[in-house]
Amino acid sequence: MIGLFLLSASSCNQAAASQFDDFNHKITFVDQQRTVYVAIAADNDSRERGLMFRRELTEDQGMLFVYPDQSRRGVWMKNTLLALDVLFLSGDGKIVAMLKDLQPCRHEPCRIYDSKIPARYMLELSSGFIDKHLLKVGQQITLP
């Protein structure tokens, strides 16, 4: 019975990680002429799962969360193994808010970080991306 549970948990973690190995959607940071390849999370299940259980994310990879409307957004780091930078984007692809270096949640309850400003999209990137590429609120990003 325990072996079956461990196998199931392992399969779920592998499925969650491998589902987003498809980083084939291109976005560009216009001012920096920097391209990043993203996986898309466009439904409730994929947005809830996000980058959970993922052990690595290269600098040119990220996850774009797509929402049906522009509203305040929240992000948490439950079961997220990597530190992340998060960008909140308007419907026309402009950066409206940023969160730097969100650390994995080690103990529950996990904090929910709020965009404070309405956003249509949320983009998760490797920690340090915002500072390394000198991103600023108001900058334009081309979306897939």
Protein backbone atom coordinates (compact mmCIF):
# COMPACT_ATOMS: atom_id res chain seq x y z
CA MET A 1 0.00 0.00 0.00
CA ILE A 2 2.80 2.46 0.92
CA GLY A 3 4.69 1.56 -2.24
CA LEU A 4 1.62 2.34 -4.35
CA PHE A 5 1.25 5.75 -2.64
CA LEU A 6 4.93 6.60 -3.24
CA LEU A 7 4.67 5.54 -6.86
CA SER A 8 1.54 7.67 -7.32
CA ALA A 9 3.12 10.72 -5.65
CA SER A 10 6.24 10.32 -7.75
CA SER A 11 4.18 10.00 -10.93
CA CYS A 12 2.21 13.15 -10.07
CA ASN A 13 5.40 15.14 -9.46
CA GLN A 14 6.94 13.89 -12.70
CA ALA A 15 3.76 14.66 -14.64
CA ALA A 16 3.60 18.17 -13.19
CA ALA A 17 7.24 18.84 -14.07
CA SER A 18 7.16 17.29 -17.54
CA GLN A 19 3.92 18.99 -18.53
CA PHE A 20 5.78 22.30 -18.74
CA ASP A 21 8.88 21.12 -20.56
CA ASP A 22 7.21 22.57 -23.65
CA PHE A 23 8.71 26.06 -23.52
CA ASN A 24 7.91 26.83 -27.14
CA HIS A 25 6.05 30.14 -26.92
CA LYS A 26 8.29 33.14 -27.53
CA ILE A 27 8.02 36.47 -25.73
CA THR A 28 10.34 39.44 -26.19
CA PHE A 29 11.31 42.21 -23.82
CA VAL A 30 11.25 45.03 -26.37
CA ASP A 31 13.68 47.47 -24.68
CA GLN A 32 16.29 44.78 -24.05
CA GLN A 33 15.70 42.80 -27.25
CA ARG A 34 15.69 39.76 -24.95
CA THR A 35 13.75 36.64 -25.92
CA VAL A 36 12.36 34.17 -23.39
CA TYR A 37 10.55 30.93 -24.16
CA VAL A 38 7.54 30.22 -22.00
CA ALA A 39 5.10 27.49 -21.17
CA ILE A 40 1.51 28.72 -21.03
CA ALA A 41 -0.81 28.21 -18.06
CA ALA A 42 -4.24 29.23 -19.37
CA ASP A 43 -6.73 27.13 -17.39
CA ASN A 44 -7.45 26.87 -13.66
CA ASP A 45 -5.59 23.58 -13.17
CA SER A 46 -2.40 24.67 -14.95
CA ARG A 47 -2.44 28.10 -13.25
CA GLU A 48 -2.86 26.47 -9.83
CA ARG A 49 0.01 24.04 -10.50
CA GLY A 50 2.32 26.63 -12.08
CA LEU A 51 5.97 25.70 -11.69
CA MET A 52 5.42 23.44 -8.67
CA PHE A 53 7.95 20.63 -8.26
CA ARG A 54 10.19 21.95 -11.06
CA ARG A 55 13.86 21.60 -10.12
CA GLU A 56 15.39 23.86 -12.77
CA LEU A 57 14.49 26.77 -15.00
CA THR A 58 17.04 28.31 -17.36
CA GLU A 59 17.37 32.07 -17.74
CA ASP A 60 15.60 31.98 -21.08
CA GLN A 61 12.58 30.01 -19.78
CA GLY A 62 9.49 31.04 -17.88
CA MET A 63 5.80 30.47 -17.43
CA LEU A 64 3.12 32.83 -18.66
CA PHE A 65 -0.17 32.71 -16.75
CA VAL A 66 -3.10 33.84 -18.88
CA TYR A 67 -6.31 35.05 -17.25
CA PRO A 68 -9.66 35.87 -18.87
CA ASP A 69 -9.82 39.37 -17.37
CA GLN A 70 -7.72 42.13 -15.89
CA SER A 71 -7.79 41.94 -12.09
CA ARG A 72 -5.49 41.91 -9.06
CA ARG A 73 -3.47 38.69 -9.11
CA GLY A 74 -1.96 36.60 -6.36
CA VAL A 75 0.94 34.19 -6.40
CA TRP A 76 2.22 31.75 -3.79
CA MET A 77 5.26 29.55 -3.62
CA LYS A 78 3.71 26.33 -2.30
CA ASN A 79 5.58 23.26 -3.60
CA THR A 80 7.77 25.58 -5.67
CA LEU A 81 11.38 24.51 -5.42
CA LEU A 82 12.93 27.52 -7.18
CA ALA A 83 13.19 31.19 -6.26
CA LEU A 84 11.33 33.29 -8.84
CA ASP A 85 10.89 36.81 -10.14
CA VAL A 86 7.30 37.60 -11.11
CA LEU A 87 6.04 40.20 -13.57
CA PHE A 88 2.42 41.29 -13.77
CA LEU A 89 1.37 42.47 -17.22
CA SER A 90 -1.55 44.47 -18.58
CA GLY A 91 -3.71 43.20 -21.42
CA ASP A 92 -1.49 45.02 -23.92
CA GLY A 93 1.72 43.46 -22.53
CA LYS A 94 3.10 46.30 -20.40
CA ILE A 95 4.72 45.55 -17.05
CA VAL A 96 2.42 46.95 -14.35
CA ALA A 97 4.05 45.43 -11.24
CA MET A 98 7.01 43.24 -10.27
CA LEU A 99 8.02 40.97 -7.40
CA LYS A 100 11.68 40.03 -6.99
CA ASP A 101 13.27 36.91 -5.60
CA LEU A 102 10.24 35.11 -4.17
CA GLN A 103 11.60 32.21 -2.15
CA PRO A 104 10.07 28.72 -1.96
CA CYS A 105 7.54 28.29 0.83
CA ARG A 106 9.10 26.01 3.44
CA HIS A 107 6.26 26.01 5.99
CA GLU A 108 2.52 26.31 5.67
CA PRO A 109 0.57 28.47 5.54
CA CYS A 110 2.31 29.86 2.46
CA ARG A 111 2.17 33.61 1.95
CA ILE A 112 0.17 34.96 -0.99
CA TYR A 113 1.92 37.81 -2.82
CA ASP A 114 -0.45 40.33 -4.41
CA SER A 115 0.05 42.31 -7.63
CA LYS A 116 -1.64 45.35 -5.98
CA ILE A 117 -2.49 46.50 -9.52
CA PRO A 118 -4.88 44.82 -11.98
CA ALA A 119 -3.09 42.53 -14.44
CA ARG A 120 -4.20 40.22 -17.25
CA TYR A 121 -1.01 38.14 -17.33
CA MET A 122 1.59 36.95 -14.85
CA LEU A 123 5.07 35.91 -15.94
CA GLU A 124 7.31 33.79 -13.71
CA LEU A 125 11.05 33.86 -14.42
CA SER A 126 14.23 32.73 -12.68
CA SER A 127 15.14 34.83 -9.65
CA GLY A 128 17.49 37.67 -10.57
CA PHE A 129 16.04 38.19 -14.06
CA ILE A 130 14.46 41.58 -13.21
CA ASP A 131 17.68 43.10 -11.87
CA LYS A 132 19.99 41.48 -14.43
CA HIS A 133 17.97 42.87 -17.35
CA LEU A 134 17.06 46.19 -15.70
CA LEU A 135 13.33 45.71 -16.13
CA LYS A 136 11.04 48.59 -15.19
CA VAL A 137 7.31 49.12 -14.75
CA GLY A 138 5.86 50.40 -18.04
CA GLN A 139 8.15 48.39 -20.31
CA GLN A 140 6.56 46.54 -23.23
CA ILE A 141 6.67 42.78 -23.74
CA THR A 142 5.50 41.08 -26.91
CA LEU A 143 3.22 38.18 -26.05
CA PRO A 144 2.62 34.96 -28.01
